[in-house]
Amino acid sequence: MLRRVIGFIAFAVTSLSFLGFILMLNQQIAYTVIVILIIIPTLFGLFRHWFECTDCKDLSKRFVFDKAKFYIFIAAFASVIITWFMNHTMGLGAFIANGTVGLIAATLFPPALAGTTYAASFVGMSGTGVLPTIGSAVLGGIVVGIVLVFTAEIYAGIGGKGGTTAALSAQITRILLSILK
């Protein structure tokens, strides 16, 4: 349960911080009203999902790093590196690189693994200000692989998890890179 709560908090803070930054940077009242109209249902959804994540019925379930989670980690790791390489080294751009990785994953993998592979490739779309080298992309691949493995059931089936996972992973990678400097 602790893993689910930590994952929930990480995803909630990531998504709410984006909305908060939009609200702070906004200069027009009409846009502020629109953002507030987005924030209100988001808060209700997070409140409802909090109870799903903290439901005590499944306390007996323990985290097991099984074959499926191993495949998720490897696919996520590889997709970040491939996307970053296609984006920056080959110069194809973020959208072509991400789309290519997504199409390959959809063709080769079962749907659940293809989805996580595609979501992880969002990290590889990061600019060189976030992931400046292939080494930083390797670190980003490790981070997103760990995040995906440990938060598989959090927000499962809810739209936006891929982008939120990528944003969270990219921010964790940026923090780790700044610490390692």
C-alpha atoms as a PDB file:
ATOM      1  CA  MET A   1       0.000   0.000   0.000  1.00  0.00           C
ATOM      2  CA  LEU A   2       2.876   2.384   0.764  1.00  0.00           C
ATOM      3  CA  ARG A   3       4.122   2.033  -2.831  1.00  0.00           C
ATOM      4  CA  ARG A   4       0.662   2.920  -4.149  1.00  0.00           C
ATOM      5  CA  VAL A   5       0.382   5.960  -1.868  1.00  0.00           C
ATOM      6  CA  ILE A   6       3.852   7.232  -2.810  1.00  0.00           C
ATOM      7  CA  GLY A   7       3.076   6.700  -6.495  1.00  0.00           C
ATOM      8  CA  PHE A   8      -0.259   8.465  -6.144  1.00  0.00           C
ATOM      9  CA  ILE A   9       1.370  11.436  -4.402  1.00  0.00           C
ATOM     10  CA  ALA A  10       4.113  11.676  -7.047  1.00  0.00           C
ATOM     11  CA  PHE A  11       1.595  11.635  -9.904  1.00  0.00           C
ATOM     12  CA  ALA A  12      -0.784  14.031  -8.156  1.00  0.00           C
ATOM     13  CA  VAL A  13       1.963  16.548  -7.377  1.00  0.00           C
ATOM     14  CA  THR A  14       3.251  16.352 -10.960  1.00  0.00           C
ATOM     15  CA  SER A  15      -0.132  16.968 -12.549  1.00  0.00           C
ATOM     16  CA  LEU A  16      -1.191  19.650 -10.050  1.00  0.00           C
ATOM     17  CA  SER A  17       2.138  21.462 -10.405  1.00  0.00           C
ATOM     18  CA  PHE A  18       1.582  21.740 -14.166  1.00  0.00           C
ATOM     19  CA  LEU A  19      -1.846  23.235 -13.607  1.00  0.00           C
ATOM     20  CA  GLY A  20      -0.471  25.512 -10.902  1.00  0.00           C
ATOM     21  CA  PHE A  21       2.304  26.809 -13.152  1.00  0.00           C
ATOM     22  CA  ILE A  22      -0.202  27.472 -15.926  1.00  0.00           C
ATOM     23  CA  LEU A  23      -2.358  29.371 -13.444  1.00  0.00           C
ATOM     24  CA  MET A  24       0.603  31.422 -12.155  1.00  0.00           C
ATOM     25  CA  LEU A  25       1.958  32.303 -15.599  1.00  0.00           C
ATOM     26  CA  ASN A  26      -1.427  33.182 -17.019  1.00  0.00           C
ATOM     27  CA  GLN A  27      -2.140  36.852 -17.680  1.00  0.00           C
ATOM     28  CA  GLN A  28      -5.721  36.796 -18.954  1.00  0.00           C
ATOM     29  CA  ILE A  29      -8.797  36.337 -16.771  1.00  0.00           C
ATOM     30  CA  ALA A  30     -10.601  34.158 -19.329  1.00  0.00           C
ATOM     31  CA  TYR A  31      -7.704  31.691 -19.380  1.00  0.00           C
ATOM     32  CA  THR A  32      -7.568  31.704 -15.592  1.00  0.00           C
ATOM     33  CA  VAL A  33     -11.258  30.748 -15.464  1.00  0.00           C
ATOM     34  CA  ILE A  34     -10.652  27.927 -17.956  1.00  0.00           C
ATOM     35  CA  VAL A  35      -7.712  26.579 -15.934  1.00  0.00           C
ATOM     36  CA  ILE A  36      -9.782  26.728 -12.737  1.00  0.00           C
ATOM     37  CA  LEU A  37     -12.543  24.826 -14.534  1.00  0.00           C
ATOM     38  CA  ILE A  38      -9.946  22.165 -15.321  1.00  0.00           C
ATOM     39  CA  ILE A  39      -8.491  22.121 -11.806  1.00  0.00           C
ATOM     40  CA  ILE A  40     -11.846  21.556 -10.049  1.00  0.00           C
ATOM     41  CA  PRO A  41     -12.682  18.189 -11.695  1.00  0.00           C
ATOM     42  CA  THR A  42      -9.017  17.221 -11.414  1.00  0.00           C
ATOM     43  CA  LEU A  43      -9.192  17.679  -7.644  1.00  0.00           C
ATOM     44  CA  PHE A  44     -12.408  15.638  -7.439  1.00  0.00           C
ATOM     45  CA  GLY A  45     -10.791  12.899  -9.525  1.00  0.00           C
ATOM     46  CA  LEU A  46      -7.694  12.866  -7.338  1.00  0.00           C
ATOM     47  CA  PHE A  47      -9.850  12.739  -4.215  1.00  0.00           C
ATOM     48  CA  ARG A  48     -11.757   9.736  -5.593  1.00  0.00           C
ATOM     49  CA  HIS A  49      -8.574   8.033  -6.748  1.00  0.00           C
ATOM     50  CA  TRP A  50      -6.962   8.569  -3.326  1.00  0.00           C
ATOM     51  CA  PHE A  51      -9.505   6.166  -1.844  1.00  0.00           C
ATOM     52  CA  GLU A  52      -8.823   3.628  -4.591  1.00  0.00           C
ATOM     53  CA  CYS A  53      -5.078   3.788  -3.882  1.00  0.00           C
ATOM     54  CA  THR A  54      -5.497   3.520  -0.125  1.00  0.00           C
ATOM     55  CA  ASP A  55      -8.100   0.761  -0.163  1.00  0.00           C
ATOM     56  CA  CYS A  56      -6.978  -1.684   2.524  1.00  0.00           C
ATOM     57  CA  LYS A  57      -8.502  -4.804   0.943  1.00  0.00           C
ATOM     58  CA  ASP A  58      -5.323  -5.739  -0.871  1.00  0.00           C
ATOM     59  CA  LEU A  59      -2.726  -5.246   1.877  1.00  0.00           C
ATOM     60  CA  SER A  60      -1.685  -8.876   1.469  1.00  0.00           C
ATOM     61  CA  LYS A  61      -0.422  -8.157  -2.051  1.00  0.00           C
ATOM     62  CA  ARG A  62       3.324  -7.717  -2.105  1.00  0.00           C
ATOM     63  CA  PHE A  63       5.405  -6.250  -4.865  1.00  0.00           C
ATOM     64  CA  VAL A  64       6.959  -8.991  -6.975  1.00  0.00           C
ATOM     65  CA  PHE A  65       9.479  -8.240  -9.680  1.00  0.00           C
ATOM     66  CA  ASP A  66       8.260 -10.856 -12.131  1.00  0.00           C
ATOM     67  CA  LYS A  67       8.939 -11.472 -15.825  1.00  0.00           C
ATOM     68  CA  ALA A  68       6.261  -8.996 -16.938  1.00  0.00           C
ATOM     69  CA  LYS A  69       7.816  -6.201 -14.855  1.00  0.00           C
ATOM     70  CA  PHE A  70      11.254  -7.103 -16.204  1.00  0.00           C
ATOM     71  CA  TYR A  71       9.923  -6.720 -19.762  1.00  0.00           C
ATOM     72  CA  ILE A  72       8.349  -3.379 -18.839  1.00  0.00           C
ATOM     73  CA  PHE A  73      11.656  -2.126 -17.449  1.00  0.00           C
ATOM     74  CA  ILE A  74      13.717  -3.275 -20.461  1.00  0.00           C
ATOM     75  CA  ALA A  75      11.213  -1.919 -23.003  1.00  0.00           C
ATOM     76  CA  ALA A  76      10.982   1.435 -21.187  1.00  0.00           C
ATOM     77  CA  PHE A  77      14.753   1.706 -20.907  1.00  0.00           C
ATOM     78  CA  ALA A  78      15.330   0.877 -24.576  1.00  0.00           C
ATOM     79  CA  SER A  79      12.559   3.159 -25.828  1.00  0.00           C
ATOM     80  CA  VAL A  80      14.040   6.219 -24.117  1.00  0.00           C
ATOM     81  CA  ILE A  81      17.490   5.585 -25.553  1.00  0.00           C
ATOM     82  CA  ILE A  82      16.200   4.825 -29.057  1.00  0.00           C
ATOM     83  CA  THR A  83      13.898   7.848 -29.065  1.00  0.00           C
ATOM     84  CA  TRP A  84      16.625  10.153 -27.765  1.00  0.00           C
ATOM     85  CA  PHE A  85      19.107   8.831 -30.346  1.00  0.00           C
ATOM     86  CA  MET A  86      16.649   9.231 -33.229  1.00  0.00           C
ATOM     87  CA  ASN A  87      15.622  12.669 -31.963  1.00  0.00           C
ATOM     88  CA  HIS A  88      19.034  14.204 -31.302  1.00  0.00           C
ATOM     89  CA  THR A  89      21.781  12.169 -32.949  1.00  0.00           C
ATOM     90  CA  MET A  90      19.922  11.299 -36.148  1.00  0.00           C
ATOM     91  CA  GLY A  91      18.149  14.678 -36.154  1.00  0.00           C
ATOM     92  CA  LEU A  92      14.695  13.261 -36.929  1.00  0.00           C
ATOM     93  CA  GLY A  93      12.939  15.347 -34.286  1.00  0.00           C
ATOM     94  CA  ALA A  94      10.950  14.398 -31.231  1.00  0.00           C
ATOM     95  CA  PHE A  95       7.643  13.565 -32.922  1.00  0.00           C
ATOM     96  CA  ILE A  96       9.099  11.340 -35.655  1.00  0.00           C
ATOM     97  CA  ALA A  97      11.294   9.534 -33.120  1.00  0.00           C
ATOM     98  CA  ASN A  98       8.424   9.002 -30.682  1.00  0.00           C
ATOM     99  CA  GLY A  99       6.013   7.956 -33.410  1.00  0.00           C
ATOM    100  CA  THR A 100       8.485   5.478 -34.863  1.00  0.00           C
ATOM    101  CA  VAL A 101       9.159   3.892 -31.497  1.00  0.00           C
ATOM    102  CA  GLY A 102       5.409   3.772 -30.822  1.00  0.00           C
ATOM    103  CA  LEU A 103       4.670   2.086 -34.157  1.00  0.00           C
ATOM    104  CA  ILE A 104       7.425  -0.466 -33.673  1.00  0.00           C
ATOM    105  CA  ALA A 105       6.195  -1.209 -30.143  1.00  0.00           C
ATOM    106  CA  ALA A 106       2.585  -1.535 -31.317  1.00  0.00           C
ATOM    107  CA  THR A 107       3.688  -3.942 -34.041  1.00  0.00           C
ATOM    108  CA  LEU A 108       5.984  -6.119 -31.941  1.00  0.00           C
ATOM    109  CA  PHE A 109       4.573  -6.105 -28.418  1.00  0.00           C
ATOM    110  CA  PRO A 110       1.293  -7.009 -26.718  1.00  0.00           C
ATOM    111  CA  PRO A 111      -0.908  -3.950 -26.041  1.00  0.00           C
ATOM    112  CA  ALA A 112       0.056  -3.395 -22.392  1.00  0.00           C
ATOM    113  CA  LEU A 113       3.786  -3.549 -23.114  1.00  0.00           C
ATOM    114  CA  ALA A 114       3.395  -1.445 -26.265  1.00  0.00           C
ATOM    115  CA  GLY A 115       1.612   1.253 -24.256  1.00  0.00           C
ATOM    116  CA  THR A 116       4.304   1.448 -21.607  1.00  0.00           C
ATOM    117  CA  THR A 117       7.015   1.442 -24.275  1.00  0.00           C
ATOM    118  CA  TYR A 118       5.314   4.330 -26.064  1.00  0.00           C
ATOM    119  CA  ALA A 119       4.812   6.254 -22.818  1.00  0.00           C
ATOM    120  CA  ALA A 120       8.450   5.783 -21.846  1.00  0.00           C
ATOM    121  CA  SER A 121       9.575   7.116 -25.214  1.00  0.00           C
ATOM    122  CA  PHE A 122       8.097  10.492 -24.203  1.00  0.00           C
ATOM    123  CA  VAL A 123      11.163  10.885 -21.958  1.00  0.00           C
ATOM    124  CA  GLY A 124      13.392  10.438 -25.016  1.00  0.00           C
ATOM    125  CA  MET A 125      11.548  13.352 -26.634  1.00  0.00           C
ATOM    126  CA  SER A 126      13.069  15.674 -24.020  1.00  0.00           C
ATOM    127  CA  GLY A 127      15.256  18.461 -25.293  1.00  0.00           C
ATOM    128  CA  THR A 128      18.981  18.648 -24.650  1.00  0.00           C
ATOM    129  CA  GLY A 129      18.290  21.072 -21.813  1.00  0.00           C
ATOM    130  CA  VAL A 130      16.766  18.149 -19.917  1.00  0.00           C
ATOM    131  CA  LEU A 131      18.713  15.182 -21.315  1.00  0.00           C
ATOM    132  CA  PRO A 132      21.899  16.659 -22.801  1.00  0.00           C
ATOM    133  CA  THR A 133      23.759  13.424 -23.608  1.00  0.00           C
ATOM    134  CA  ILE A 134      23.114   9.790 -24.393  1.00  0.00           C
ATOM    135  CA  GLY A 135      24.357   9.039 -20.860  1.00  0.00           C
ATOM    136  CA  SER A 136      21.624  11.210 -19.418  1.00  0.00           C
ATOM    137  CA  ALA A 137      19.135   9.376 -21.659  1.00  0.00           C
ATOM    138  CA  VAL A 138      20.387   6.099 -20.161  1.00  0.00           C
ATOM    139  CA  LEU A 139      19.696   7.503 -16.689  1.00  0.00           C
ATOM    140  CA  GLY A 140      16.276   8.712 -17.870  1.00  0.00           C
ATOM    141  CA  GLY A 141      15.543   5.218 -19.198  1.00  0.00           C
ATOM    142  CA  ILE A 142      16.429   3.674 -15.860  1.00  0.00           C
ATOM    143  CA  VAL A 143      14.276   6.201 -13.990  1.00  0.00           C
ATOM    144  CA  VAL A 144      11.194   5.810 -16.207  1.00  0.00           C
ATOM    145  CA  GLY A 145      11.603   2.025 -16.122  1.00  0.00           C
ATOM    146  CA  ILE A 146      11.574   2.062 -12.322  1.00  0.00           C
ATOM    147  CA  VAL A 147       8.627   4.478 -12.189  1.00  0.00           C
ATOM    148  CA  LEU A 148       6.600   2.346 -14.623  1.00  0.00           C
ATOM    149  CA  VAL A 149       7.393  -0.901 -12.803  1.00  0.00           C
ATOM    150  CA  PHE A 150       6.502   0.455  -9.371  1.00  0.00           C
ATOM    151  CA  THR A 151       3.380   2.374 -10.396  1.00  0.00           C
ATOM    152  CA  ALA A 152       1.777  -0.053 -12.843  1.00  0.00           C
ATOM    153  CA  GLU A 153      -1.639  -0.095 -11.155  1.00  0.00           C
ATOM    154  CA  ILE A 154      -1.785   3.591 -10.255  1.00  0.00           C
ATOM    155  CA  TYR A 155      -3.970   5.486 -12.738  1.00  0.00           C
ATOM    156  CA  ALA A 156      -4.219   2.298 -14.800  1.00  0.00           C
ATOM    157  CA  GLY A 157      -6.584   2.910 -17.703  1.00  0.00           C
ATOM    158  CA  ILE A 158      -6.858   6.636 -17.036  1.00  0.00           C
ATOM    159  CA  GLY A 159      -5.751   8.957 -19.814  1.00  0.00           C
ATOM    160  CA  GLY A 160      -2.696  11.079 -19.180  1.00  0.00           C
ATOM    161  CA  LYS A 161      -0.660   8.542 -17.247  1.00  0.00           C
ATOM    162  CA  GLY A 162       1.946   8.260 -20.012  1.00  0.00           C
ATOM    163  CA  GLY A 163       2.647  11.967 -20.162  1.00  0.00           C
ATOM    164  CA  THR A 164       2.553  12.347 -16.391  1.00  0.00           C
ATOM    165  CA  THR A 165       4.924   9.386 -15.987  1.00  0.00           C
ATOM    166  CA  ALA A 166       7.302  10.906 -18.529  1.00  0.00           C
ATOM    167  CA  ALA A 167       7.163  14.326 -16.875  1.00  0.00           C
ATOM    168  CA  LEU A 168       7.761  12.831 -13.429  1.00  0.00           C
ATOM    169  CA  SER A 169      10.630  10.692 -14.739  1.00  0.00           C
ATOM    170  CA  ALA A 170      12.225  13.585 -16.617  1.00  0.00           C
ATOM    171  CA  GLN A 171      12.081  15.771 -13.492  1.00  0.00           C
ATOM    172  CA  ILE A 172      13.594  13.009 -11.327  1.00  0.00           C
ATOM    173  CA  THR A 173      16.340  12.564 -13.945  1.00  0.00           C
ATOM    174  CA  ARG A 174      17.037  16.317 -14.008  1.00  0.00           C
ATOM    175  CA  ILE A 175      17.346  16.327 -10.204  1.00  0.00           C
ATOM    176  CA  LEU A 176      19.693  13.306 -10.280  1.00  0.00           C
ATOM    177  CA  LEU A 177      21.811  14.903 -13.009  1.00  0.00           C
ATOM    178  CA  SER A 178      22.101  18.138 -11.016  1.00  0.00           C
ATOM    179  CA  ILE A 179      23.173  16.144  -7.946  1.00  0.00           C
ATOM    180  CA  LEU A 180      25.745  14.165  -9.940  1.00  0.00           C
ATOM    181  CA  LYS A 181      27.377  17.326 -11.382  1.00  0.00           C
END
